[in-house]
Amino acid sequence: MSVGGVSEGVRSEPQDRIVFAVAMLLLATLLAPLLDSSVKYLTATLPVLMIATGRYLFQAILLWPIVAVRHPSALWRMPDAKLQLLRSLVIVISAIFFFSALRTTPLADVVAIFFINPFVVTALAPWVLGERVGIWRWGAVVAGFVGVLVIIQPGFEGFGWGTGFALIAGFLFGCFVLLSRKVGSGGSPPMVAGLLTGLVGAGLFGLSLPFVWQTPTLWEVSLMALAGAFGAAVHVLFMVAYINADASRLVPFSYFELLSASLIGFLIFGDVPDAITWLGMAIIAASGVTIAYRERRRATRSLTAPPPVKR
């Protein structure tokens, strides 16, 4: 797939590039739940829109000087500018639903439900991109939805606002991936795409500040800055990983985030996923890996979404 200019075609990569890409991806899957936990902690005391504004503002502040030095004219000479702006808009809206889900729902559950996005990409690709989806991938899509339903639990006893918000966030991220594929390999460099996302998020959510403003403490500002730093790092790490290796090679490792989110959720918030949630996570991961495996076998462009740079 193609995100931030990442090529998605199946290609031959040197082994050392693959190892480097996997290392970058695993580091990103460790940092992503730290971003999420920072936001979840803040939702106890601050409005979600204010948290989102701070998170994206600090991402833009951190990336701006790097982009100014390495890609000084990239923002002003952006290929497919309207499409890239739309892509940034979709991902920051996805983030606001993700952050809202974190307010009431355990971190591991939100991350697991968010991983519905590879199945959204696969299901919508025939209509949006005109690509054929075979029976194996349709089967994996159905299994992935079953995994989500298992987490929600039979009878929907586990369904609430947080679950609904996580589903919307995952769906929108799938749309972000489809838009990214339309941008293709001519998109902006990863840091430029990250800066654009930060500017769009800060600008959009900043409009709400007069209505939701609450003077933050120094500690809360520090956590928003930390979330922005984690967000910038995760974005760049994911993009570097997908530049150096095909999506179908990396997708199985992306599900490490389910484990790291569960661990961090336990250490920071004391959340322990129950047996049903673990079963749902396993089904989701197995389904996503199946999609990646089938794409690799067919040696076509991967339809599997990258792990969430989201948030």
C-alpha atoms as a PDB file:
ATOM      1  CA  MET A   1       0.000   0.000   0.000  1.00  0.00           C
ATOM      2  CA  SER A   2       0.998   3.584  -0.243  1.00  0.00           C
ATOM      3  CA  VAL A   3       0.985   5.947   2.683  1.00  0.00           C
ATOM      4  CA  GLY A   4       2.927   9.157   2.671  1.00  0.00           C
ATOM      5  CA  GLY A   5       4.566   8.122  -0.562  1.00  0.00           C
ATOM      6  CA  VAL A   6       5.287   4.557   0.492  1.00  0.00           C
ATOM      7  CA  SER A   7       5.307   2.153  -2.410  1.00  0.00           C
ATOM      8  CA  GLU A   8       3.122  -0.888  -1.977  1.00  0.00           C
ATOM      9  CA  GLY A   9       4.152  -3.113  -4.821  1.00  0.00           C
ATOM     10  CA  VAL A  10       5.748  -6.460  -4.134  1.00  0.00           C
ATOM     11  CA  ARG A  11       9.435  -6.076  -4.774  1.00  0.00           C
ATOM     12  CA  SER A  12      12.745  -7.685  -3.950  1.00  0.00           C
ATOM     13  CA  GLU A  13      14.389  -6.114  -0.929  1.00  0.00           C
ATOM     14  CA  PRO A  14      17.835  -6.877   0.510  1.00  0.00           C
ATOM     15  CA  GLN A  15      17.592  -8.830   3.749  1.00  0.00           C
ATOM     16  CA  ASP A  16      19.226  -6.059   5.798  1.00  0.00           C
ATOM     17  CA  ARG A  17      16.562  -3.579   4.634  1.00  0.00           C
ATOM     18  CA  ILE A  18      13.819  -5.975   5.695  1.00  0.00           C
ATOM     19  CA  VAL A  19      15.372  -6.431   9.138  1.00  0.00           C
ATOM     20  CA  PHE A  20      15.735  -2.651   9.486  1.00  0.00           C
ATOM     21  CA  ALA A  21      12.109  -2.146   8.430  1.00  0.00           C
ATOM     22  CA  VAL A  22      10.846  -4.716  10.935  1.00  0.00           C
ATOM     23  CA  ALA A  23      12.889  -3.066  13.708  1.00  0.00           C
ATOM     24  CA  MET A  24      11.391   0.350  12.862  1.00  0.00           C
ATOM     25  CA  LEU A  25       7.890  -1.111  12.801  1.00  0.00           C
ATOM     26  CA  LEU A  26       8.279  -2.892  16.143  1.00  0.00           C
ATOM     27  CA  LEU A  27       9.581   0.307  17.721  1.00  0.00           C
ATOM     28  CA  ALA A  28       6.569   2.151  16.340  1.00  0.00           C
ATOM     29  CA  THR A  29       4.178  -0.458  17.766  1.00  0.00           C
ATOM     30  CA  LEU A  30       5.779   0.083  21.166  1.00  0.00           C
ATOM     31  CA  LEU A  31       5.493   3.871  20.990  1.00  0.00           C
ATOM     32  CA  ALA A  32       1.939   4.005  19.592  1.00  0.00           C
ATOM     33  CA  PRO A  33       0.297   2.707  22.811  1.00  0.00           C
ATOM     34  CA  LEU A  34       2.357   5.237  24.784  1.00  0.00           C
ATOM     35  CA  LEU A  35       0.801   7.958  22.636  1.00  0.00           C
ATOM     36  CA  ASP A  36      -2.622   6.446  23.246  1.00  0.00           C
ATOM     37  CA  SER A  37      -2.086   6.084  26.989  1.00  0.00           C
ATOM     38  CA  SER A  38      -0.985   9.732  27.247  1.00  0.00           C
ATOM     39  CA  VAL A  39      -4.230  10.752  25.562  1.00  0.00           C
ATOM     40  CA  LYS A  40      -6.309   8.351  27.661  1.00  0.00           C
ATOM     41  CA  TYR A  41      -4.802   9.786  30.848  1.00  0.00           C
ATOM     42  CA  LEU A  42      -5.655  13.325  29.720  1.00  0.00           C
ATOM     43  CA  THR A  43      -9.281  12.457  28.892  1.00  0.00           C
ATOM     44  CA  ALA A  44      -9.974  12.202  32.632  1.00  0.00           C
ATOM     45  CA  THR A  45      -9.450  15.946  33.083  1.00  0.00           C
ATOM     46  CA  LEU A  46      -9.542  17.728  29.701  1.00  0.00           C
ATOM     47  CA  PRO A  47     -12.008  17.894  26.778  1.00  0.00           C
ATOM     48  CA  VAL A  48     -11.126  15.569  23.910  1.00  0.00           C
ATOM     49  CA  LEU A  49     -11.081  18.407  21.348  1.00  0.00           C
ATOM     50  CA  MET A  50      -8.584  20.323  23.450  1.00  0.00           C
ATOM     51  CA  ILE A  51      -6.358  17.254  23.813  1.00  0.00           C
ATOM     52  CA  ALA A  52      -6.465  16.668  20.050  1.00  0.00           C
ATOM     53  CA  THR A  53      -5.532  20.290  19.373  1.00  0.00           C
ATOM     54  CA  GLY A  54      -2.524  20.075  21.667  1.00  0.00           C
ATOM     55  CA  ARG A  55      -1.430  16.688  20.361  1.00  0.00           C
ATOM     56  CA  TYR A  56      -1.380  17.823  16.718  1.00  0.00           C
ATOM     57  CA  LEU A  57      -0.022  21.274  17.504  1.00  0.00           C
ATOM     58  CA  PHE A  58       3.011  19.798  19.219  1.00  0.00           C
ATOM     59  CA  GLN A  59       3.492  17.320  16.363  1.00  0.00           C
ATOM     60  CA  ALA A  60       3.594  20.236  13.925  1.00  0.00           C
ATOM     61  CA  ILE A  61       5.933  22.257  16.150  1.00  0.00           C
ATOM     62  CA  LEU A  62       8.362  19.339  16.431  1.00  0.00           C
ATOM     63  CA  LEU A  63       8.371  18.478  12.718  1.00  0.00           C
ATOM     64  CA  TRP A  64       8.395  22.006  11.297  1.00  0.00           C
ATOM     65  CA  PRO A  65      12.117  22.769  11.834  1.00  0.00           C
ATOM     66  CA  ILE A  66      13.119  19.356  10.443  1.00  0.00           C
ATOM     67  CA  VAL A  67      11.000  19.848   7.340  1.00  0.00           C
ATOM     68  CA  ALA A  68      12.252  23.426   6.967  1.00  0.00           C
ATOM     69  CA  VAL A  69      15.837  22.153   6.785  1.00  0.00           C
ATOM     70  CA  ARG A  70      15.364  18.940   4.780  1.00  0.00           C
ATOM     71  CA  HIS A  71      12.381  19.784   2.553  1.00  0.00           C
ATOM     72  CA  PRO A  72      12.077  23.581   2.582  1.00  0.00           C
ATOM     73  CA  SER A  73       9.665  23.867  -0.342  1.00  0.00           C
ATOM     74  CA  ALA A  74       7.795  20.570  -0.018  1.00  0.00           C
ATOM     75  CA  LEU A  75       4.616  22.012   1.507  1.00  0.00           C
ATOM     76  CA  TRP A  76       4.302  24.576  -1.282  1.00  0.00           C
ATOM     77  CA  ARG A  77       5.047  22.146  -4.129  1.00  0.00           C
ATOM     78  CA  MET A  78       3.001  19.218  -2.940  1.00  0.00           C
ATOM     79  CA  PRO A  79       1.803  16.755  -5.613  1.00  0.00           C
ATOM     80  CA  ASP A  80      -1.935  15.993  -5.436  1.00  0.00           C
ATOM     81  CA  ALA A  81      -2.289  18.724  -2.791  1.00  0.00           C
ATOM     82  CA  LYS A  82      -6.093  18.518  -2.532  1.00  0.00           C
ATOM     83  CA  LEU A  83      -6.019  14.755  -2.152  1.00  0.00           C
ATOM     84  CA  GLN A  84      -3.282  14.944   0.481  1.00  0.00           C
ATOM     85  CA  LEU A  85      -5.214  17.586   2.411  1.00  0.00           C
ATOM     86  CA  LEU A  86      -8.304  15.381   2.291  1.00  0.00           C
ATOM     87  CA  ARG A  87      -6.225  12.433   3.487  1.00  0.00           C
ATOM     88  CA  SER A  88      -4.912  14.451   6.439  1.00  0.00           C
ATOM     89  CA  LEU A  89      -8.434  15.603   7.250  1.00  0.00           C
ATOM     90  CA  VAL A  90      -9.720  12.017   7.296  1.00  0.00           C
ATOM     91  CA  ILE A  91      -6.979  10.770   9.607  1.00  0.00           C
ATOM     92  CA  VAL A  92      -7.376  13.592  12.149  1.00  0.00           C
ATOM     93  CA  ILE A  93     -11.149  12.995  12.244  1.00  0.00           C
ATOM     94  CA  SER A  94     -10.362   9.321  12.781  1.00  0.00           C
ATOM     95  CA  ALA A  95      -8.138  10.385  15.670  1.00  0.00           C
ATOM     96  CA  ILE A  96     -10.882  12.362  17.418  1.00  0.00           C
ATOM     97  CA  PHE A  97     -13.113   9.290  17.433  1.00  0.00           C
ATOM     98  CA  PHE A  98     -10.190   7.164  18.639  1.00  0.00           C
ATOM     99  CA  PHE A  99      -9.470   9.609  21.475  1.00  0.00           C
ATOM    100  CA  SER A 100     -13.161   9.681  22.399  1.00  0.00           C
ATOM    101  CA  ALA A 101     -13.175   5.888  22.576  1.00  0.00           C
ATOM    102  CA  LEU A 102     -10.226   5.944  24.967  1.00  0.00           C
ATOM    103  CA  ARG A 103     -12.230   8.007  27.458  1.00  0.00           C
ATOM    104  CA  THR A 104     -14.492   5.096  28.389  1.00  0.00           C
ATOM    105  CA  THR A 105     -12.956   1.931  26.944  1.00  0.00           C
ATOM    106  CA  PRO A 106      -9.792  -0.033  27.892  1.00  0.00           C
ATOM    107  CA  LEU A 107      -6.788   0.766  25.710  1.00  0.00           C
ATOM    108  CA  ALA A 108      -6.310  -2.797  24.426  1.00  0.00           C
ATOM    109  CA  ASP A 109      -9.973  -3.072  23.395  1.00  0.00           C
ATOM    110  CA  VAL A 110      -9.875   0.223  21.480  1.00  0.00           C
ATOM    111  CA  VAL A 111      -6.675  -0.748  19.644  1.00  0.00           C
ATOM    112  CA  ALA A 112      -8.058  -4.200  18.791  1.00  0.00           C
ATOM    113  CA  ILE A 113     -11.313  -2.800  17.379  1.00  0.00           C
ATOM    114  CA  PHE A 114      -9.348  -0.134  15.496  1.00  0.00           C
ATOM    115  CA  PHE A 115      -7.579  -2.949  13.638  1.00  0.00           C
ATOM    116  CA  ILE A 116     -10.758  -3.378  11.645  1.00  0.00           C
ATOM    117  CA  ASN A 117      -9.145  -0.994   9.149  1.00  0.00           C
ATOM    118  CA  PRO A 118      -7.369  -3.649   6.987  1.00  0.00           C
ATOM    119  CA  PHE A 119     -10.716  -5.309   6.366  1.00  0.00           C
ATOM    120  CA  VAL A 120     -12.328  -1.977   5.481  1.00  0.00           C
ATOM    121  CA  VAL A 121      -9.604  -1.412   2.891  1.00  0.00           C
ATOM    122  CA  THR A 122     -10.074  -4.865   1.412  1.00  0.00           C
ATOM    123  CA  ALA A 123     -13.879  -4.608   1.357  1.00  0.00           C
ATOM    124  CA  LEU A 124     -13.998  -1.141  -0.257  1.00  0.00           C
ATOM    125  CA  ALA A 125     -11.122  -1.549  -2.711  1.00  0.00           C
ATOM    126  CA  PRO A 126     -13.281  -3.059  -5.514  1.00  0.00           C
ATOM    127  CA  TRP A 127     -15.570  -0.002  -5.519  1.00  0.00           C
ATOM    128  CA  VAL A 128     -13.078   2.728  -4.725  1.00  0.00           C
ATOM    129  CA  LEU A 129     -10.044   1.443  -6.635  1.00  0.00           C
ATOM    130  CA  GLY A 130     -11.638  -1.012  -9.064  1.00  0.00           C
ATOM    131  CA  GLU A 131      -9.523  -3.895  -7.754  1.00  0.00           C
ATOM    132  CA  ARG A 132     -10.600  -7.505  -7.632  1.00  0.00           C
ATOM    133  CA  VAL A 133     -10.906  -9.172  -4.234  1.00  0.00           C
ATOM    134  CA  GLY A 134     -10.851 -12.969  -4.203  1.00  0.00           C
ATOM    135  CA  ILE A 135     -12.728 -15.368  -1.981  1.00  0.00           C
ATOM    136  CA  TRP A 136      -9.788 -15.859   0.396  1.00  0.00           C
ATOM    137  CA  ARG A 137      -9.623 -12.166   1.198  1.00  0.00           C
ATOM    138  CA  TRP A 138     -13.406 -11.902   1.515  1.00  0.00           C
ATOM    139  CA  GLY A 139     -13.225 -14.799   3.959  1.00  0.00           C
ATOM    140  CA  ALA A 140     -10.544 -12.962   5.943  1.00  0.00           C
ATOM    141  CA  VAL A 141     -12.716  -9.823   5.983  1.00  0.00           C
ATOM    142  CA  VAL A 142     -15.659 -11.775   7.394  1.00  0.00           C
ATOM    143  CA  ALA A 143     -13.405 -13.429   9.987  1.00  0.00           C
ATOM    144  CA  GLY A 144     -12.009 -10.034  10.990  1.00  0.00           C
ATOM    145  CA  PHE A 145     -15.501  -8.691  11.609  1.00  0.00           C
ATOM    146  CA  VAL A 146     -16.245 -11.804  13.642  1.00  0.00           C
ATOM    147  CA  GLY A 147     -13.172 -11.026  15.755  1.00  0.00           C
ATOM    148  CA  VAL A 148     -14.505  -7.536  16.428  1.00  0.00           C
ATOM    149  CA  LEU A 149     -17.918  -8.958  17.335  1.00  0.00           C
ATOM    150  CA  VAL A 150     -16.237 -11.372  19.747  1.00  0.00           C
ATOM    151  CA  ILE A 151     -14.622  -8.424  21.541  1.00  0.00           C
ATOM    152  CA  ILE A 152     -17.951  -6.591  21.615  1.00  0.00           C
ATOM    153  CA  GLN A 153     -19.304  -9.934  22.900  1.00  0.00           C
ATOM    154  CA  PRO A 154     -22.352 -11.967  21.929  1.00  0.00           C
ATOM    155  CA  GLY A 155     -25.588 -10.050  22.469  1.00  0.00           C
ATOM    156  CA  PHE A 156     -23.593  -6.781  22.270  1.00  0.00           C
ATOM    157  CA  GLU A 157     -23.333  -6.559  26.063  1.00  0.00           C
ATOM    158  CA  GLY A 158     -19.911  -5.020  25.540  1.00  0.00           C
ATOM    159  CA  PHE A 159     -21.151  -2.438  23.008  1.00  0.00           C
ATOM    160  CA  GLY A 160     -21.098   1.176  24.132  1.00  0.00           C
ATOM    161  CA  TRP A 161     -20.108   4.639  22.968  1.00  0.00           C
ATOM    162  CA  GLY A 162     -16.426   3.748  23.227  1.00  0.00           C
ATOM    163  CA  THR A 163     -16.868   0.673  21.050  1.00  0.00           C
ATOM    164  CA  GLY A 164     -18.821   2.639  18.469  1.00  0.00           C
ATOM    165  CA  PHE A 165     -16.229   5.411  18.369  1.00  0.00           C
ATOM    166  CA  ALA A 166     -13.421   2.847  17.922  1.00  0.00           C
ATOM    167  CA  LEU A 167     -15.299   1.250  15.007  1.00  0.00           C
ATOM    168  CA  ILE A 168     -15.759   4.644  13.332  1.00  0.00           C
ATOM    169  CA  ALA A 169     -12.077   5.443  13.901  1.00  0.00           C
ATOM    170  CA  GLY A 170     -11.018   2.162  12.287  1.00  0.00           C
ATOM    171  CA  PHE A 171     -13.370   2.688   9.351  1.00  0.00           C
ATOM    172  CA  LEU A 172     -12.058   6.209   8.731  1.00  0.00           C
ATOM    173  CA  PHE A 173      -8.471   5.001   8.934  1.00  0.00           C
ATOM    174  CA  GLY A 174      -9.310   2.456   6.260  1.00  0.00           C
ATOM    175  CA  CYS A 175     -10.576   5.364   4.120  1.00  0.00           C
ATOM    176  CA  PHE A 176      -7.287   7.156   4.854  1.00  0.00           C
ATOM    177  CA  VAL A 177      -5.390   4.174   3.461  1.00  0.00           C
ATOM    178  CA  LEU A 178      -7.522   4.124   0.305  1.00  0.00           C
ATOM    179  CA  LEU A 179      -6.830   7.836  -0.206  1.00  0.00           C
ATOM    180  CA  SER A 180      -3.141   7.149   0.384  1.00  0.00           C
ATOM    181  CA  ARG A 181      -3.180   4.543  -2.368  1.00  0.00           C
ATOM    182  CA  LYS A 182      -4.628   7.128  -4.734  1.00  0.00           C
ATOM    183  CA  VAL A 183      -1.795   9.506  -3.855  1.00  0.00           C
ATOM    184  CA  GLY A 184       0.662   6.726  -4.703  1.00  0.00           C
ATOM    185  CA  SER A 185       4.428   6.890  -4.701  1.00  0.00           C
ATOM    186  CA  GLY A 186       4.400  10.537  -5.781  1.00  0.00           C
ATOM    187  CA  GLY A 187       3.194  11.658  -2.349  1.00  0.00           C
ATOM    188  CA  SER A 188       5.131  13.844   0.052  1.00  0.00           C
ATOM    189  CA  PRO A 189       8.076  12.575   2.146  1.00  0.00           C
ATOM    190  CA  PRO A 190       7.023  11.048   5.506  1.00  0.00           C
ATOM    191  CA  MET A 191       8.018  14.056   7.624  1.00  0.00           C
ATOM    192  CA  VAL A 192       6.210  16.453   5.288  1.00  0.00           C
ATOM    193  CA  ALA A 193       3.076  14.306   5.414  1.00  0.00           C
ATOM    194  CA  GLY A 194       3.386  14.227   9.212  1.00  0.00           C
ATOM    195  CA  LEU A 195       3.724  18.014   9.363  1.00  0.00           C
ATOM    196  CA  LEU A 196       0.714  18.485   7.098  1.00  0.00           C
ATOM    197  CA  THR A 197      -1.343  16.184   9.325  1.00  0.00           C
ATOM    198  CA  GLY A 198      -0.219  18.126  12.397  1.00  0.00           C
ATOM    199  CA  LEU A 199      -1.181  21.460  10.814  1.00  0.00           C
ATOM    200  CA  VAL A 200      -4.574  20.177   9.662  1.00  0.00           C
ATOM    201  CA  GLY A 201      -5.339  18.633  13.057  1.00  0.00           C
ATOM    202  CA  ALA A 202      -4.241  21.675  15.046  1.00  0.00           C
ATOM    203  CA  GLY A 203      -6.108  24.037  12.718  1.00  0.00           C
ATOM    204  CA  LEU A 204      -9.326  22.021  12.632  1.00  0.00           C
ATOM    205  CA  PHE A 205      -9.588  21.214  16.319  1.00  0.00           C
ATOM    206  CA  GLY A 206      -8.226  24.618  17.316  1.00  0.00           C
ATOM    207  CA  LEU A 207     -11.489  26.142  16.081  1.00  0.00           C
ATOM    208  CA  SER A 208     -13.209  24.494  19.035  1.00  0.00           C
ATOM    209  CA  LEU A 209     -10.974  26.016  21.718  1.00  0.00           C
ATOM    210  CA  PRO A 210     -13.198  29.044  22.497  1.00  0.00           C
ATOM    211  CA  PHE A 211     -16.026  26.619  23.312  1.00  0.00           C
ATOM    212  CA  VAL A 212     -14.117  23.939  25.238  1.00  0.00           C
ATOM    213  CA  TRP A 213     -11.200  25.876  26.723  1.00  0.00           C
ATOM    214  CA  GLN A 214     -10.038  24.800  30.142  1.00  0.00           C
ATOM    215  CA  THR A 215      -6.745  26.161  31.425  1.00  0.00           C
ATOM    216  CA  PRO A 216      -4.399  23.153  31.521  1.00  0.00           C
ATOM    217  CA  THR A 217      -1.859  22.518  34.228  1.00  0.00           C
ATOM    218  CA  LEU A 218       1.830  22.330  33.398  1.00  0.00           C
ATOM    219  CA  TRP A 219       1.590  18.559  33.760  1.00  0.00           C
ATOM    220  CA  GLU A 220      -1.268  18.384  31.240  1.00  0.00           C
ATOM    221  CA  VAL A 221       0.624  20.559  28.760  1.00  0.00           C
ATOM    222  CA  SER A 222       3.635  18.284  29.207  1.00  0.00           C
ATOM    223  CA  LEU A 223       1.509  15.212  28.450  1.00  0.00           C
ATOM    224  CA  MET A 224       0.103  16.856  25.310  1.00  0.00           C
ATOM    225  CA  ALA A 225       3.650  17.673  24.210  1.00  0.00           C
ATOM    226  CA  LEU A 226       4.640  14.060  24.916  1.00  0.00           C
ATOM    227  CA  ALA A 227       1.666  12.826  22.873  1.00  0.00           C
ATOM    228  CA  GLY A 228       2.747  15.102  20.015  1.00  0.00           C
ATOM    229  CA  ALA A 229       6.298  13.780  20.205  1.00  0.00           C
ATOM    230  CA  PHE A 230       5.109  10.163  20.230  1.00  0.00           C
ATOM    231  CA  GLY A 231       2.756  10.937  17.339  1.00  0.00           C
ATOM    232  CA  ALA A 232       5.535  12.446  15.226  1.00  0.00           C
ATOM    233  CA  ALA A 233       7.892   9.567  16.006  1.00  0.00           C
ATOM    234  CA  VAL A 234       5.301   6.870  15.278  1.00  0.00           C
ATOM    235  CA  HIS A 235       4.365   8.488  11.970  1.00  0.00           C
ATOM    236  CA  VAL A 236       7.977   8.697  10.785  1.00  0.00           C
ATOM    237  CA  LEU A 237       8.879   5.198  12.011  1.00  0.00           C
ATOM    238  CA  PHE A 238       5.914   3.604  10.261  1.00  0.00           C
ATOM    239  CA  MET A 239       6.660   5.410   7.031  1.00  0.00           C
ATOM    240  CA  VAL A 240      10.361   4.510   7.139  1.00  0.00           C
ATOM    241  CA  ALA A 241       9.395   0.880   7.726  1.00  0.00           C
ATOM    242  CA  TYR A 242       7.049   0.779   4.742  1.00  0.00           C
ATOM    243  CA  ILE A 243       9.567   2.537   2.509  1.00  0.00           C
ATOM    244  CA  ASN A 244      12.121  -0.211   3.189  1.00  0.00           C
ATOM    245  CA  ALA A 245       9.899  -3.293   2.912  1.00  0.00           C
ATOM    246  CA  ASP A 246       6.613  -4.392   1.381  1.00  0.00           C
ATOM    247  CA  ALA A 247       3.427  -4.185   3.390  1.00  0.00           C
ATOM    248  CA  SER A 248       2.793  -7.913   3.039  1.00  0.00           C
ATOM    249  CA  ARG A 249       6.099  -8.612   4.800  1.00  0.00           C
ATOM    250  CA  LEU A 250       5.415  -6.156   7.609  1.00  0.00           C
ATOM    251  CA  VAL A 251       1.716  -6.561   8.389  1.00  0.00           C
ATOM    252  CA  PRO A 252       2.174  -9.664  10.600  1.00  0.00           C
ATOM    253  CA  PHE A 253       4.514  -7.658  12.848  1.00  0.00           C
ATOM    254  CA  SER A 254       2.044  -4.781  13.092  1.00  0.00           C
ATOM    255  CA  TYR A 255      -0.200  -6.888  15.317  1.00  0.00           C
ATOM    256  CA  PHE A 256       2.478  -6.725  17.989  1.00  0.00           C
ATOM    257  CA  GLU A 257       0.692  -3.487  18.908  1.00  0.00           C
ATOM    258  CA  LEU A 258      -2.174  -5.557  20.310  1.00  0.00           C
ATOM    259  CA  LEU A 259       0.239  -7.067  22.831  1.00  0.00           C
ATOM    260  CA  SER A 260       2.046  -3.832  23.657  1.00  0.00           C
ATOM    261  CA  ALA A 261      -1.281  -2.011  24.111  1.00  0.00           C
ATOM    262  CA  SER A 262      -2.461  -4.756  26.465  1.00  0.00           C
ATOM    263  CA  LEU A 263       0.761  -4.559  28.485  1.00  0.00           C
ATOM    264  CA  ILE A 264       0.802  -0.762  28.723  1.00  0.00           C
ATOM    265  CA  GLY A 265      -2.915  -0.695  29.504  1.00  0.00           C
ATOM    266  CA  PHE A 266      -2.281  -3.061  32.404  1.00  0.00           C
ATOM    267  CA  LEU A 267       0.809  -1.259  33.721  1.00  0.00           C
ATOM    268  CA  ILE A 268      -0.683   2.248  33.578  1.00  0.00           C
ATOM    269  CA  PHE A 269      -4.435   1.763  34.011  1.00  0.00           C
ATOM    270  CA  GLY A 270      -4.706  -1.726  35.493  1.00  0.00           C
ATOM    271  CA  ASP A 271      -6.809  -2.982  32.562  1.00  0.00           C
ATOM    272  CA  VAL A 272      -6.653  -6.747  32.052  1.00  0.00           C
ATOM    273  CA  PRO A 273      -8.249  -8.089  28.832  1.00  0.00           C
ATOM    274  CA  ASP A 274     -10.512 -11.055  29.512  1.00  0.00           C
ATOM    275  CA  ALA A 275     -10.368 -14.365  27.665  1.00  0.00           C
ATOM    276  CA  ILE A 276     -13.036 -13.312  25.142  1.00  0.00           C
ATOM    277  CA  THR A 277     -11.095 -10.156  24.266  1.00  0.00           C
ATOM    278  CA  TRP A 278      -7.904 -12.178  23.741  1.00  0.00           C
ATOM    279  CA  LEU A 279      -9.835 -14.545  21.468  1.00  0.00           C
ATOM    280  CA  GLY A 280     -11.156 -11.623  19.438  1.00  0.00           C
ATOM    281  CA  MET A 281      -7.657 -10.164  19.137  1.00  0.00           C
ATOM    282  CA  ALA A 282      -6.328 -13.507  17.900  1.00  0.00           C
ATOM    283  CA  ILE A 283      -9.049 -13.751  15.243  1.00  0.00           C
ATOM    284  CA  ILE A 284      -8.404 -10.188  14.055  1.00  0.00           C
ATOM    285  CA  ALA A 285      -4.645 -10.751  13.875  1.00  0.00           C
ATOM    286  CA  ALA A 286      -5.007 -14.077  12.067  1.00  0.00           C
ATOM    287  CA  SER A 287      -7.397 -12.537   9.543  1.00  0.00           C
ATOM    288  CA  GLY A 288      -5.092  -9.606   8.834  1.00  0.00           C
ATOM    289  CA  VAL A 289      -2.099 -11.893   8.406  1.00  0.00           C
ATOM    290  CA  THR A 290      -4.142 -14.058   6.010  1.00  0.00           C
ATOM    291  CA  ILE A 291      -4.871 -11.025   3.828  1.00  0.00           C
ATOM    292  CA  ALA A 292      -1.166 -10.125   3.765  1.00  0.00           C
ATOM    293  CA  TYR A 293      -0.150 -13.718   2.983  1.00  0.00           C
ATOM    294  CA  ARG A 294      -2.587 -14.015   0.088  1.00  0.00           C
ATOM    295  CA  GLU A 295      -1.411 -10.690  -1.324  1.00  0.00           C
ATOM    296  CA  ARG A 296       2.183 -11.863  -1.127  1.00  0.00           C
ATOM    297  CA  ARG A 297       1.274 -15.099  -2.880  1.00  0.00           C
ATOM    298  CA  ARG A 298      -0.437 -13.269  -5.695  1.00  0.00           C
ATOM    299  CA  ALA A 299       2.512 -10.861  -6.057  1.00  0.00           C
ATOM    300  CA  THR A 300       0.168  -7.943  -6.552  1.00  0.00           C
ATOM    301  CA  ARG A 301      -0.163  -4.657  -4.744  1.00  0.00           C
ATOM    302  CA  SER A 302      -1.112  -5.268  -1.117  1.00  0.00           C
ATOM    303  CA  LEU A 303      -4.635  -4.361  -0.004  1.00  0.00           C
ATOM    304  CA  THR A 304      -3.732  -4.649   3.670  1.00  0.00           C
ATOM    305  CA  ALA A 305      -3.731  -1.399   5.668  1.00  0.00           C
ATOM    306  CA  PRO A 306      -0.632  -0.315   7.541  1.00  0.00           C
ATOM    307  CA  PRO A 307      -0.675  -0.250  11.317  1.00  0.00           C
ATOM    308  CA  PRO A 308      -2.317   2.863  12.800  1.00  0.00           C
ATOM    309  CA  VAL A 309      -0.277   5.999  12.297  1.00  0.00           C
ATOM    310  CA  LYS A 310      -3.480   7.530  13.327  1.00  0.00           C
ATOM    311  CA  ARG A 311      -3.887   9.027  16.132  1.00  0.00           C
END
